Every structure is written in C-alpha cells, then in structure tokens.
C-alpha cells in the first residue's frame, strides 16, 4: 500500500465527518494507527492526545455527552481497543454518540501469531449500534465514494434512535506513514451538496391525547424527570395537569425556582405523609433516590412512560408508552389537561419547603459535614458552568443538597451504569464545552482515574475538582454490607492513606486543603478563576457518614 492511496481514502473519510459536523477526535498514540492519526492531525479536527486508551474513551464520552454530537476515538491495534470497552458500555447505556476508529493488522496477519493482534471484529458486541470492517485503503473513485458513505453512515447510526457507538475497524499495511502531499487530500470525491442528518419532533395524535386525558382525569399524579434537558414549558404542562414536577438533580430543572418544581423529592418520598400518587408520568430513567422508586413500586400508580426507545422500567409499571423524546412531547402537549386544580401541587410545595429548611440547616452546623461543603459549592458555583458529579456518594450529595434557584448551571454524571470508572476523564472532556466546570468526586473515584491528570496539557477548560476525601469507600456505610467485622474495612472501605497534595504536585497541578467552610469558600472562589485543573480537597471520615447524611433526609 503506497502512502498516497491511503491518505486520499482516509482524507475523504475525515472530510465527510467534518462536513457532517463532527469536530473532535481523541487519539491515543500507537504505530498501526499512524495513517489515520496523521491525516486527522493535518485536518481541521480538534485533536486531543491521551496516552491512556481507557481515559481517552471517557474523555470523548464526556465531550459527546456535553455537546450532544459525536466525538471520534482512534487507537492502535491489540489491547488498546479493548481498553475502550468500559466507556463504550457507558455510552451505550447513556445513549451518547461516539465514533470509534480502531486500527488493525491486515487480514493476512490475523490468527497467525502476529504481535499486537487480536480479534477486533465486532469486539464490542451489542454495545454498538453499527460496526463495519473497513477495506484496505485505495484511491479509486469507487473506494473514495465508499469511504465518504461509511463516514455518513457512522454519523447516521451514532445519532440515531437511540444515540450510540459506531465502530469502524481499519486494517493497515506497511508502509504506515501516509503521503500528505497529494492534491485533493480532503476534497477528492466530495459531492456538491452539503450532507445533512436531520431529526424531526413528534405530534401527539388526537387519539393519544384523549387516551392520556382519560387516564389522568380527576387523578392526582406527578411528573418525574430523570437525567436530561427539558424545556421551560414543562412548567405549563405541570400546571395544566395539576401535577408537580419531581426534578432529579440531573434533569437540570432546578435552575427554575418555581413552586411546581420539587427538588427535595427524596426526602418527601421517605415521609410517612407522602401524598397519594394515582398517576406517574415519567421522562428518562428512574431517579437516583431509592426511596422514590421503592415507594412507587409499593403504590403502583398508573404509569405513562415517554421515551424514544424503551421503558427502562425495572418496577414493571408501564401502562402507556409514548415513543417520543421529552422535549418534543412537552412542546406538543397543549391538548393535555386535568381538572384537579392547584391544591395537590400546593401540598407538595409545602412539604418541599419543609424539607428545604431541614437541608439548609447544614449551613449552620458548628462542625460542618459533607453537605455543608456541597451547599457552599452550589452557592459559589459560577453561572453558566458545568457541575459534574461522580457516582456513589457524590451524586447523592448533589441530589440532596443542590436546591433549586434561579442560577443556570448544567449538571451531569455518568449514570448509565453508575460506575466510578473514568470520572475525571469524563469531567475533563465535558468541561471543554463550558467556560468553567466543577467536578464533585470522592477519593476512590478520583484514584480510579488519576492518570487523567496527565491531560492537563490537552485540556482547554478550567476544571475545579472538589475532592471529598474520607479515605475510603464511604458509600458502603450506607449499604447492607456495613459491618464491624474486619472484612468490611478490607473488602469495602479500602482505606488508602494517599497524599493527594503530593499527587497534584507530581502533575504540576494546584492543590488546596480546606479545613472549614470559610476556608473552602475562599479556595473554591480562587480555583474557579484559574485555567487548567485545580484540586480543592475536603477531608472527612467514613465513620459516621451514614448518620451525617441521613440527618438531612
């Protein structure tokens, strides 16, 4: 394979991705991927380099999740591609568009003991929405046209219903260094008309509107909004139905300080005087709160699920399934109405205010707890910035202590599979789309992805890491495994005694330790104004964590 046919074929492929709006690629260095890496580097793509393929995949995941558009990944052959798998699983569960490009040995070297060779055909299994084994590059008009069509198909599939992962496997033969000088490197085979991949919204039929209106007539219910972004018109829908909006922190609805928005829902679902729920209209997944989905399973309301693909209903309650995205359904819902008035919403609003007062008591503690720092963080976080939460306790702290207010911030978390893998990388990737960003994380999630700090040279955003360091797995204090027996500390709490200041110094990253809330506020304010990555550490203990948290629930 000469260098020119390889580069013209790959140039056409890359150009077509650019014409469809793909702008970002994350590359992990390797030899077999040289032809595509060098063509991408020469192109207008925004190129990021991450030496750790696992972290690279999560970095791309974070960017794609924040932008809602596909991000490309490129790695060499062998186990490099296998390191993408955790992030691909998360992308599949969270419906995040990625285009994964894996370099491979040519067909004649496979299965014969060639080094750095494994079976990469459909290696991600059902986690992808599209796979194609690419041919050896060639510069004929037919092959160039094929390269462009596969680029289009990758974007079509990755941004389809649902969004997901497209995987293209590229075999390359030596010489691997491409010729980047031929004329028409990116323009060869380009069609006259700009390509377009478009989606349309939904319209609610008269029959569906009548069916839903009949189901909710004179009934009391709630609208539950899981992870996602929702239009402000959801407030109008809530008032027409007389249903409050149970707003999970990841719904990004808590920036609307309106009485119909219920932010302290977890506390209310724990109360013995929880109002009766006849109807549940659910958008997205069930919430972070176990109390919420457990009580709903006991109450068994008539359940209407709105989703583009599936019910995601492990409570087995779905009565009416509407195949639509939330924003389209809400904007098309003018015909939905109910006759129960405003008393039910007022009842929820009253309970919500009672719980809000309880939660805000964390401000006044003589000895601050984790919630005290999270409340202070929410008070101080800059408008228009990103708040990325790690899983385990971090997202629960956000769900409890992030109280609604008229302050636009965007909240994200890798909740597809609820894992702590790749948290720092994902936050760094998502931060590229915001003027400032904050990651709230525990110490184990941070350690699990500490190599992401090496991306300090690649990141183009300001990320403040608020590190809640309780020297172990605090979440297990909340779970049935909790025990005074020795196995509990070794298998679950896993104390590590790591010096995070030394880690930060090793990577040349600013670090501050806050010993009280005023000190935290000062350090956090300063950190938000700094470029790159800054760590603000708050130390606590796993001992007593359960009591410190539940006193506000």
Foldseek 3Di string as FASTA:
>chain_A
DAQALLLLLLLQLVLLLVLAPAAEEEEADDQLQQSNVVSCVVDNHQYAYDNQLLLSLLLQQLQQVLVVAEYEYEYEAACSVVSNQVSLQLCLLVLGFYEYEYEAADPVPEPPPDPRHDPPFCPNPPSFQEEDEQDEGGNDLVSSLVSSVVSVVSRLRCVDVRHHYYYYYHHYDPPSNHDPPDPCSNPPNPDPDRDYDDDDFDAQDPVNQVVVQVQLAVFEAAEEEEADEADPLVVVVCQQSLHAYAYFLNHQPLLDPDLSYQLQVLVLLPDPPNDQHQEYEYADEDHPRPSVLVSCLVNLHAYEYEEQPDRNCPSPRHDHYHNGHRHRCSVNNPSHGYDNHNPSSVVSSVVSVVLLVLLCCLCVDPQHDPLNQVLLCLVQPAAFEEEEEAAQVRSVSCSNNVGGHNGRYRYYYSPSPRDLANRVSSQLSNQLVTQFYEYEYEDVSCVNNVSSLLSLVVGPHQYEYEYEYQQFRLSCCVDPLDDPDPCCCVPHRPGDPDDVVVSCVVSVEAEEEAADNVSSSVVVNVSRPDGTYYYYYYYDHSVPNVVSPVSSD
